[in-house]
Amino acid sequence: MARIHEGAWYDPDKGGDLNALCKYGNPNVLTLDIGTSQLAQATSAHTTLVEIEKYTGPIDNVTAFNGPVEMVAQCEYVPASQGNPHD
């Protein structure tokens, strides 16, 4: 059993990569991103089956509070502080 608290912002280690790990622990990466109904649009489940293994890779700094990043053509990762490279 694992208990995961809600409320962490999504902070991917590889921006735009579908296989990115969340550095901050957002539980939504473990469940489907679908609403419960057209009326409620609440999260689909508060339970899910997971496999847990110890992470032994490098630990990156949490950047969830550094502000937004902009995703541009071909999923190129551009930090917001650098502006739009297409201007």
N, C-alpha and C. Protein backbone atom coordinates (compact mmCIF):
# COMPACT_ATOMS: atom_id res chain seq x y z
N MET A 1 0.84 -1.15 0.00
CA MET A 1 0.00 0.00 0.00
C MET A 1 0.90 1.23 0.00
N ALA A 2 0.51 2.21 -0.75
CA ALA A 2 1.20 3.50 -0.77
C ALA A 2 0.16 4.59 -0.53
N ARG A 3 0.51 5.56 0.27
CA ARG A 3 -0.38 6.69 0.51
C ARG A 3 0.27 7.91 -0.12
N ILE A 4 -0.46 8.53 -1.02
CA ILE A 4 0.06 9.69 -1.73
C ILE A 4 -0.87 10.86 -1.49
N HIS A 5 -0.33 11.95 -1.02
CA HIS A 5 -1.14 13.14 -0.78
C HIS A 5 -1.30 13.93 -2.07
N GLU A 6 -2.45 14.53 -2.25
CA GLU A 6 -2.71 15.35 -3.44
C GLU A 6 -2.21 16.77 -3.21
N GLY A 7 -2.02 17.48 -4.30
CA GLY A 7 -1.68 18.89 -4.21
C GLY A 7 -0.32 19.26 -4.79
N ALA A 8 0.51 18.28 -5.12
CA ALA A 8 1.82 18.60 -5.69
C ALA A 8 1.65 19.03 -7.14
N TRP A 9 2.37 20.06 -7.54
CA TRP A 9 2.34 20.51 -8.93
C TRP A 9 3.17 19.56 -9.78
N TYR A 10 2.76 19.35 -11.02
CA TYR A 10 3.51 18.49 -11.94
C TYR A 10 4.82 19.17 -12.28
N ASP A 11 5.92 18.46 -12.10
CA ASP A 11 7.27 18.99 -12.34
C ASP A 11 8.10 17.93 -13.06
N PRO A 12 7.96 17.82 -14.39
CA PRO A 12 8.64 16.75 -15.12
C PRO A 12 10.15 16.95 -15.16
N ASP A 13 10.90 15.83 -15.11
CA ASP A 13 12.35 15.93 -15.20
C ASP A 13 12.81 16.17 -16.63
N LYS A 14 11.99 15.82 -17.62
CA LYS A 14 12.29 16.05 -19.04
C LYS A 14 11.06 16.71 -19.64
N GLY A 15 11.07 18.00 -19.75
CA GLY A 15 9.90 18.72 -20.24
C GLY A 15 9.40 18.22 -21.58
N GLY A 16 8.12 17.92 -21.68
CA GLY A 16 7.51 17.49 -22.93
C GLY A 16 7.65 16.01 -23.24
N ASP A 17 8.45 15.28 -22.49
CA ASP A 17 8.66 13.85 -22.74
C ASP A 17 7.53 13.05 -22.08
N LEU A 18 6.89 12.17 -22.84
CA LEU A 18 5.80 11.37 -22.29
C LEU A 18 6.26 10.43 -21.19
N ASN A 19 7.53 10.07 -21.16
CA ASN A 19 8.06 9.17 -20.14
C ASN A 19 8.77 9.92 -19.02
N ALA A 20 8.52 11.20 -18.89
CA ALA A 20 9.18 12.00 -17.85
C ALA A 20 8.72 11.56 -16.46
N LEU A 21 9.62 11.66 -15.51
CA LEU A 21 9.28 11.42 -14.11
C LEU A 21 8.92 12.75 -13.47
N CYS A 22 7.97 12.74 -12.55
CA CYS A 22 7.62 13.96 -11.83
C CYS A 22 8.55 14.10 -10.64
N LYS A 23 9.28 15.23 -10.57
CA LYS A 23 10.25 15.45 -9.49
C LYS A 23 9.59 15.88 -8.19
N TYR A 24 8.31 16.25 -8.24
CA TYR A 24 7.66 16.80 -7.04
C TYR A 24 6.60 15.87 -6.45
N GLY A 25 6.25 14.80 -7.14
CA GLY A 25 5.34 13.81 -6.58
C GLY A 25 3.87 14.03 -6.86
N ASN A 26 3.54 14.55 -8.04
CA ASN A 26 2.14 14.74 -8.42
C ASN A 26 1.49 13.39 -8.63
N PRO A 27 0.44 13.05 -7.85
CA PRO A 27 -0.18 11.72 -7.99
C PRO A 27 -0.95 11.54 -9.29
N ASN A 28 -1.24 12.61 -10.01
CA ASN A 28 -2.00 12.49 -11.26
C ASN A 28 -1.22 11.77 -12.35
N VAL A 29 0.08 11.60 -12.20
CA VAL A 29 0.84 10.85 -13.21
C VAL A 29 0.54 9.36 -13.12
N LEU A 30 -0.14 8.92 -12.07
CA LEU A 30 -0.45 7.51 -11.89
C LEU A 30 -1.85 7.13 -12.33
N THR A 31 -2.71 8.10 -12.60
CA THR A 31 -4.10 7.82 -12.95
C THR A 31 -4.43 8.42 -14.31
N LEU A 32 -5.54 7.99 -14.88
CA LEU A 32 -6.00 8.55 -16.15
C LEU A 32 -6.47 9.99 -15.96
N ASP A 33 -6.21 10.82 -16.94
CA ASP A 33 -6.63 12.22 -16.88
C ASP A 33 -7.99 12.36 -17.55
N ILE A 34 -9.00 11.76 -16.92
CA ILE A 34 -10.37 11.87 -17.43
C ILE A 34 -11.28 12.27 -16.28
N GLY A 35 -12.31 12.99 -16.59
CA GLY A 35 -13.25 13.40 -15.56
C GLY A 35 -14.22 12.28 -15.21
N THR A 36 -14.88 12.41 -14.07
CA THR A 36 -15.83 11.39 -13.64
C THR A 36 -17.10 11.42 -14.47
N SER A 37 -17.47 12.60 -14.97
CA SER A 37 -18.65 12.72 -15.83
C SER A 37 -18.57 14.07 -16.53
N GLN A 38 -19.47 14.32 -17.47
CA GLN A 38 -19.51 15.62 -18.13
C GLN A 38 -19.96 16.71 -17.18
N LEU A 39 -20.66 16.33 -16.13
CA LEU A 39 -21.14 17.29 -15.15
C LEU A 39 -20.06 17.65 -14.13
N ALA A 40 -19.46 16.65 -13.53
CA ALA A 40 -18.57 16.89 -12.39
C ALA A 40 -17.14 17.22 -12.79
N GLN A 41 -16.57 16.49 -13.72
CA GLN A 41 -15.18 16.66 -14.13
C GLN A 41 -14.21 16.55 -12.95
N ALA A 42 -14.58 15.79 -11.93
CA ALA A 42 -13.67 15.52 -10.82
C ALA A 42 -12.66 14.47 -11.25
N THR A 43 -11.68 14.20 -10.42
CA THR A 43 -10.69 13.19 -10.75
C THR A 43 -11.36 11.83 -10.87
N SER A 44 -10.82 10.98 -11.72
CA SER A 44 -11.48 9.72 -12.03
C SER A 44 -11.41 8.69 -10.92
N ALA A 45 -10.38 8.71 -10.12
CA ALA A 45 -10.26 7.70 -9.07
C ALA A 45 -9.32 8.18 -7.97
N HIS A 46 -9.58 7.73 -6.79
CA HIS A 46 -8.67 7.99 -5.68
C HIS A 46 -7.94 6.71 -5.28
N THR A 47 -8.09 5.66 -6.08
CA THR A 47 -7.34 4.44 -5.86
C THR A 47 -6.78 3.98 -7.20
N THR A 48 -5.63 3.37 -7.17
CA THR A 48 -5.01 2.86 -8.38
C THR A 48 -3.99 1.79 -8.01
N LEU A 49 -3.73 0.87 -8.92
CA LEU A 49 -2.71 -0.14 -8.70
C LEU A 49 -1.38 0.39 -9.22
N VAL A 50 -0.34 0.29 -8.42
CA VAL A 50 0.98 0.78 -8.81
C VAL A 50 2.03 -0.27 -8.47
N GLU A 51 3.15 -0.20 -9.15
CA GLU A 51 4.34 -0.96 -8.78
C GLU A 51 5.35 0.05 -8.25
N ILE A 52 5.97 -0.27 -7.14
CA ILE A 52 6.90 0.66 -6.51
C ILE A 52 8.29 0.06 -6.51
N GLU A 53 9.27 0.85 -6.91
CA GLU A 53 10.66 0.43 -6.81
C GLU A 53 11.49 1.63 -6.38
N LYS A 54 12.59 1.37 -5.73
CA LYS A 54 13.45 2.44 -5.24
C LYS A 54 14.13 3.13 -6.43
N TYR A 55 14.07 4.45 -6.46
CA TYR A 55 14.72 5.23 -7.51
C TYR A 55 16.17 5.44 -7.11
N THR A 56 17.09 5.06 -7.97
CA THR A 56 18.52 5.17 -7.65
C THR A 56 19.25 6.13 -8.58
N GLY A 57 18.52 6.83 -9.45
CA GLY A 57 19.14 7.76 -10.38
C GLY A 57 19.46 9.09 -9.72
N PRO A 58 19.97 10.03 -10.51
CA PRO A 58 20.27 11.37 -9.97
C PRO A 58 18.99 12.09 -9.57
N ILE A 59 19.09 12.91 -8.55
CA ILE A 59 17.93 13.66 -8.07
C ILE A 59 18.07 15.11 -8.53
N ASP A 60 17.13 15.54 -9.36
CA ASP A 60 17.13 16.92 -9.86
C ASP A 60 16.42 17.83 -8.86
N ASN A 61 16.73 19.12 -8.94
CA ASN A 61 16.05 20.10 -8.09
C ASN A 61 14.59 20.24 -8.51
N VAL A 62 13.72 20.47 -7.55
CA VAL A 62 12.32 20.74 -7.83
C VAL A 62 12.22 22.13 -8.46
N THR A 63 11.58 22.21 -9.61
CA THR A 63 11.45 23.49 -10.32
C THR A 63 9.99 23.89 -10.50
N ALA A 64 9.09 23.23 -9.80
CA ALA A 64 7.65 23.50 -9.95
C ALA A 64 7.29 24.94 -9.60
N PHE A 65 8.09 25.60 -8.79
CA PHE A 65 7.76 26.96 -8.35
C PHE A 65 8.53 28.02 -9.13
N ASN A 66 9.26 27.64 -10.17
CA ASN A 66 10.07 28.59 -10.94
C ASN A 66 9.28 29.31 -12.03
N GLY A 67 8.02 29.05 -12.14
CA GLY A 67 7.22 29.69 -13.18
C GLY A 67 7.03 28.77 -14.36
N PRO A 68 6.18 29.18 -15.29
CA PRO A 68 5.84 28.32 -16.42
C PRO A 68 6.97 28.22 -17.44
N VAL A 69 6.91 27.17 -18.24
CA VAL A 69 7.79 27.02 -19.39
C VAL A 69 6.91 26.99 -20.62
N GLU A 70 7.49 27.34 -21.74
CA GLU A 70 6.73 27.37 -22.99
C GLU A 70 7.13 26.19 -23.85
N MET A 71 6.15 25.46 -24.36
CA MET A 71 6.40 24.35 -25.27
C MET A 71 6.16 24.86 -26.68
N VAL A 72 7.18 24.74 -27.55
CA VAL A 72 7.07 25.23 -28.92
C VAL A 72 7.17 24.05 -29.89
N ALA A 73 7.24 24.32 -31.17
CA ALA A 73 7.21 23.29 -32.21
C ALA A 73 8.13 22.11 -31.92
N GLN A 74 7.69 20.92 -32.28
CA GLN A 74 8.39 19.66 -32.10
C GLN A 74 8.75 19.39 -30.64
N CYS A 75 7.93 19.87 -29.72
CA CYS A 75 8.14 19.65 -28.28
C CYS A 75 9.52 20.11 -27.83
N GLU A 76 10.00 21.20 -28.39
CA GLU A 76 11.27 21.78 -27.95
C GLU A 76 11.04 22.43 -26.59
N TYR A 77 11.90 22.15 -25.63
CA TYR A 77 11.74 22.64 -24.26
C TYR A 77 12.44 23.99 -24.13
N VAL A 78 11.68 25.05 -23.83
CA VAL A 78 12.24 26.39 -23.71
C VAL A 78 11.79 26.98 -22.38
N PRO A 79 12.73 27.22 -21.43
CA PRO A 79 12.32 27.87 -20.18
C PRO A 79 11.73 29.24 -20.48
N ALA A 80 10.71 29.64 -19.74
CA ALA A 80 10.00 30.89 -19.98
C ALA A 80 10.93 32.09 -19.94
N SER A 81 11.98 32.05 -19.13
CA SER A 81 12.89 33.19 -19.00
C SER A 81 13.67 33.47 -20.27
N GLN A 82 13.75 32.51 -21.21
CA GLN A 82 14.48 32.71 -22.45
C GLN A 82 13.61 33.27 -23.56
N GLY A 83 12.33 33.35 -23.35
CA GLY A 83 11.44 33.90 -24.35
C GLY A 83 11.18 32.94 -25.49
N ASN A 84 10.51 33.44 -26.51
CA ASN A 84 10.14 32.63 -27.66
C ASN A 84 11.26 32.67 -28.69
N PRO A 85 11.86 31.53 -29.06
CA PRO A 85 12.96 31.53 -30.03
C PRO A 85 12.49 31.83 -31.45
N HIS A 86 11.17 31.86 -31.68
CA HIS A 86 10.65 32.10 -33.02
C HIS A 86 10.29 33.56 -33.26
N ASP A 87 10.55 34.43 -32.29
CA ASP A 87 10.27 35.86 -32.47
C ASP A 87 11.40 36.54 -33.21
